[in-house]
Amino acid sequence: MHNVGGICCVVGDELYIYYSAWSGHSPRLGMDMYAGASMGLATLRRDGFASMRAGNREAELLTGILETNGKFLFINAESGMDGYIKAELLDETGQIIHGFEVDDCIPFVRFFNQAYGCMETFF
């Protein structure tokens, strides 16, 4: 997948990211690296993401209140070879929500496999 033009466009309160991708298979071209091309548009809420680096030490990040009607919380993250990421949920008063304690969290682990490159896994 490649970001077309290498930049995003600010449109109102969203970021537009135009991208292209190739499946590697096409009825006309058969199997080829650039066969099956598509172009897409991904949108993100402006200022709807954050970045944090902990280095080689344990750290924590407390966000502002997040409201959702979804069932899942996803992260886009990277951890070092021995690193992991865990989360817990707090209510609006800062108290831990029962059943969503850090010890109940399935840690996010990223490791490197020479055969496949970077792999993300949940334990």
C-alpha atoms as a PDB file:
ATOM      1  CA  MET A   1       0.000   0.000   0.000  1.00  0.00           C
ATOM      2  CA  HIS A   2       1.313   3.439  -0.894  1.00  0.00           C
ATOM      3  CA  ASN A   3       0.117   6.863   0.153  1.00  0.00           C
ATOM      4  CA  VAL A   4      -0.567   8.740  -3.074  1.00  0.00           C
ATOM      5  CA  GLY A   5       1.489  11.934  -3.094  1.00  0.00           C
ATOM      6  CA  GLY A   6       2.949  11.222   0.353  1.00  0.00           C
ATOM      7  CA  ILE A   7       0.680  13.686   2.162  1.00  0.00           C
ATOM      8  CA  CYS A   8      -2.803  13.968   3.556  1.00  0.00           C
ATOM      9  CA  CYS A   9      -5.385  16.664   2.850  1.00  0.00           C
ATOM     10  CA  VAL A  10      -7.223  18.546   5.592  1.00  0.00           C
ATOM     11  CA  VAL A  11     -10.911  18.676   4.674  1.00  0.00           C
ATOM     12  CA  GLY A  12     -13.066  20.291   7.340  1.00  0.00           C
ATOM     13  CA  ASP A  13     -12.563  18.280  10.522  1.00  0.00           C
ATOM     14  CA  GLU A  14     -11.165  15.220   8.711  1.00  0.00           C
ATOM     15  CA  LEU A  15      -7.874  14.102   7.193  1.00  0.00           C
ATOM     16  CA  TYR A  16      -8.145  12.575   3.718  1.00  0.00           C
ATOM     17  CA  ILE A  17      -5.451  10.043   2.836  1.00  0.00           C
ATOM     18  CA  TYR A  18      -5.521   8.815  -0.740  1.00  0.00           C
ATOM     19  CA  TYR A  19      -3.729   5.493  -1.191  1.00  0.00           C
ATOM     20  CA  SER A  20      -3.078   2.819  -3.780  1.00  0.00           C
ATOM     21  CA  ALA A  21      -2.656  -0.909  -3.298  1.00  0.00           C
ATOM     22  CA  TRP A  22      -2.080  -3.993  -5.424  1.00  0.00           C
ATOM     23  CA  SER A  23      -3.439  -7.497  -4.875  1.00  0.00           C
ATOM     24  CA  GLY A  24      -0.781  -9.070  -7.102  1.00  0.00           C
ATOM     25  CA  HIS A  25      -3.445 -10.865  -9.164  1.00  0.00           C
ATOM     26  CA  SER A  26      -5.426  -9.721 -12.183  1.00  0.00           C
ATOM     27  CA  PRO A  27      -7.554 -11.613 -14.750  1.00  0.00           C
ATOM     28  CA  ARG A  28      -5.728  -9.753 -17.543  1.00  0.00           C
ATOM     29  CA  LEU A  29      -2.165  -9.637 -16.158  1.00  0.00           C
ATOM     30  CA  GLY A  30      -2.189 -12.810 -14.067  1.00  0.00           C
ATOM     31  CA  MET A  31       0.217 -12.855 -11.140  1.00  0.00           C
ATOM     32  CA  ASP A  32       2.391  -9.747 -11.089  1.00  0.00           C
ATOM     33  CA  MET A  33       3.584  -7.380  -8.400  1.00  0.00           C
ATOM     34  CA  TYR A  34       1.590  -4.484  -9.876  1.00  0.00           C
ATOM     35  CA  ALA A  35      -1.485  -6.453 -10.948  1.00  0.00           C
ATOM     36  CA  GLY A  36      -4.890  -5.838  -9.423  1.00  0.00           C
ATOM     37  CA  ALA A  37      -4.355  -2.147  -8.671  1.00  0.00           C
ATOM     38  CA  SER A  38      -6.875  -0.145  -6.683  1.00  0.00           C
ATOM     39  CA  MET A  39      -7.053   3.353  -5.298  1.00  0.00           C
ATOM     40  CA  GLY A  40      -8.786   4.250  -2.075  1.00  0.00           C
ATOM     41  CA  LEU A  41      -9.555   7.035   0.350  1.00  0.00           C
ATOM     42  CA  ALA A  42      -9.059   6.668   4.087  1.00  0.00           C
ATOM     43  CA  THR A  43     -10.425   9.320   6.423  1.00  0.00           C
ATOM     44  CA  LEU A  44      -9.444  10.103   9.989  1.00  0.00           C
ATOM     45  CA  ARG A  45     -10.987  12.475  12.459  1.00  0.00           C
ATOM     46  CA  ARG A  46      -8.673  15.469  12.641  1.00  0.00           C
ATOM     47  CA  ASP A  47      -6.601  15.387  15.824  1.00  0.00           C
ATOM     48  CA  GLY A  48      -8.159  11.999  16.609  1.00  0.00           C
ATOM     49  CA  PHE A  49      -4.890  10.242  17.344  1.00  0.00           C
ATOM     50  CA  ALA A  50      -1.834  10.616  19.524  1.00  0.00           C
ATOM     51  CA  SER A  51       1.732   9.387  19.671  1.00  0.00           C
ATOM     52  CA  MET A  52       3.761   8.483  22.731  1.00  0.00           C
ATOM     53  CA  ARG A  53       7.177   6.920  23.248  1.00  0.00           C
ATOM     54  CA  ALA A  54       8.093   5.205  26.496  1.00  0.00           C
ATOM     55  CA  GLY A  55      11.607   4.170  25.505  1.00  0.00           C
ATOM     56  CA  ASN A  56      12.936   1.274  27.595  1.00  0.00           C
ATOM     57  CA  ARG A  57      10.850   2.009  30.649  1.00  0.00           C
ATOM     58  CA  GLU A  58       7.291   1.470  31.772  1.00  0.00           C
ATOM     59  CA  ALA A  59       5.018   4.452  31.189  1.00  0.00           C
ATOM     60  CA  GLU A  60       1.358   5.337  31.157  1.00  0.00           C
ATOM     61  CA  LEU A  61      -0.878   7.547  29.074  1.00  0.00           C
ATOM     62  CA  LEU A  62      -4.156   8.992  30.332  1.00  0.00           C
ATOM     63  CA  THR A  63      -6.412  10.345  27.587  1.00  0.00           C
ATOM     64  CA  GLY A  64      -9.325  12.687  27.804  1.00  0.00           C
ATOM     65  CA  ILE A  65     -12.786  11.162  27.925  1.00  0.00           C
ATOM     66  CA  LEU A  66     -13.465   8.916  24.929  1.00  0.00           C
ATOM     67  CA  GLU A  67     -17.083   8.250  24.026  1.00  0.00           C
ATOM     68  CA  THR A  68     -17.999   5.294  21.844  1.00  0.00           C
ATOM     69  CA  ASN A  69     -20.935   3.049  21.107  1.00  0.00           C
ATOM     70  CA  GLY A  70     -18.667   0.293  19.775  1.00  0.00           C
ATOM     71  CA  LYS A  71     -17.731  -2.993  21.392  1.00  0.00           C
ATOM     72  CA  PHE A  72     -13.973  -2.829  20.781  1.00  0.00           C
ATOM     73  CA  LEU A  73     -11.032  -0.499  21.283  1.00  0.00           C
ATOM     74  CA  PHE A  74      -8.262  -0.861  18.704  1.00  0.00           C
ATOM     75  CA  ILE A  75      -4.744   0.540  18.813  1.00  0.00           C
ATOM     76  CA  ASN A  76      -2.139   1.111  16.143  1.00  0.00           C
ATOM     77  CA  ALA A  77       1.059   0.485  18.060  1.00  0.00           C
ATOM     78  CA  GLU A  78       4.623  -0.707  18.043  1.00  0.00           C
ATOM     79  CA  SER A  79       6.563  -2.170  20.946  1.00  0.00           C
ATOM     80  CA  GLY A  80      10.182  -3.222  21.250  1.00  0.00           C
ATOM     81  CA  MET A  81      11.410  -6.814  21.299  1.00  0.00           C
ATOM     82  CA  ASP A  82      10.634  -7.252  25.004  1.00  0.00           C
ATOM     83  CA  GLY A  83       7.873  -4.647  25.116  1.00  0.00           C
ATOM     84  CA  TYR A  84       4.127  -4.901  25.391  1.00  0.00           C
ATOM     85  CA  ILE A  85       1.127  -2.618  25.673  1.00  0.00           C
ATOM     86  CA  LYS A  86      -1.785  -3.055  28.075  1.00  0.00           C
ATOM     87  CA  ALA A  87      -4.771  -0.843  28.825  1.00  0.00           C
ATOM     88  CA  GLU A  88      -7.469  -0.367  31.416  1.00  0.00           C
ATOM     89  CA  LEU A  89     -10.632   1.685  31.318  1.00  0.00           C
ATOM     90  CA  LEU A  90     -11.595   4.369  33.797  1.00  0.00           C
ATOM     91  CA  ASP A  91     -14.976   5.988  34.381  1.00  0.00           C
ATOM     92  CA  GLU A  92     -15.515   9.741  34.214  1.00  0.00           C
ATOM     93  CA  THR A  93     -14.359  10.111  37.846  1.00  0.00           C
ATOM     94  CA  GLY A  94     -11.069   8.308  37.180  1.00  0.00           C
ATOM     95  CA  GLN A  95     -12.054   5.045  38.893  1.00  0.00           C
ATOM     96  CA  ILE A  96     -11.174   1.732  37.223  1.00  0.00           C
ATOM     97  CA  ILE A  97     -14.170   0.051  35.582  1.00  0.00           C
ATOM     98  CA  HIS A  98     -14.629  -3.487  36.992  1.00  0.00           C
ATOM     99  CA  GLY A  99     -13.791  -6.106  34.377  1.00  0.00           C
ATOM    100  CA  PHE A 100     -11.535  -3.709  32.474  1.00  0.00           C
ATOM    101  CA  GLU A 101      -8.559  -3.673  34.836  1.00  0.00           C
ATOM    102  CA  VAL A 102      -5.038  -3.734  33.394  1.00  0.00           C
ATOM    103  CA  ASP A 103      -4.583  -7.302  34.711  1.00  0.00           C
ATOM    104  CA  ASP A 104      -7.588  -8.428  32.607  1.00  0.00           C
ATOM    105  CA  CYS A 105      -6.144  -6.906  29.436  1.00  0.00           C
ATOM    106  CA  ILE A 106      -4.748  -9.072  26.670  1.00  0.00           C
ATOM    107  CA  PRO A 107      -1.317  -7.516  26.021  1.00  0.00           C
ATOM    108  CA  PHE A 108      -0.364  -6.276  22.572  1.00  0.00           C
ATOM    109  CA  VAL A 109       3.048  -7.647  21.549  1.00  0.00           C
ATOM    110  CA  ARG A 110       5.004  -6.866  18.401  1.00  0.00           C
ATOM    111  CA  PHE A 111       7.901  -9.097  17.463  1.00  0.00           C
ATOM    112  CA  PHE A 112      10.133  -9.590  14.447  1.00  0.00           C
ATOM    113  CA  ASN A 113      10.181 -12.870  12.520  1.00  0.00           C
ATOM    114  CA  GLN A 114      12.855 -13.134   9.811  1.00  0.00           C
ATOM    115  CA  ALA A 115      10.580 -15.137   7.525  1.00  0.00           C
ATOM    116  CA  TYR A 116       7.584 -12.776   7.752  1.00  0.00           C
ATOM    117  CA  GLY A 117       8.924  -9.443   9.018  1.00  0.00           C
ATOM    118  CA  CYS A 118       7.062  -7.620  11.770  1.00  0.00           C
ATOM    119  CA  MET A 119       4.185  -9.499  13.284  1.00  0.00           C
ATOM    120  CA  GLU A 120       1.478  -8.241  15.614  1.00  0.00           C
ATOM    121  CA  THR A 121      -0.085 -10.636  18.028  1.00  0.00           C
ATOM    122  CA  PHE A 122      -2.408 -10.704  20.992  1.00  0.00           C
ATOM    123  CA  PHE A 123      -1.981 -13.240  23.781  1.00  0.00           C
END
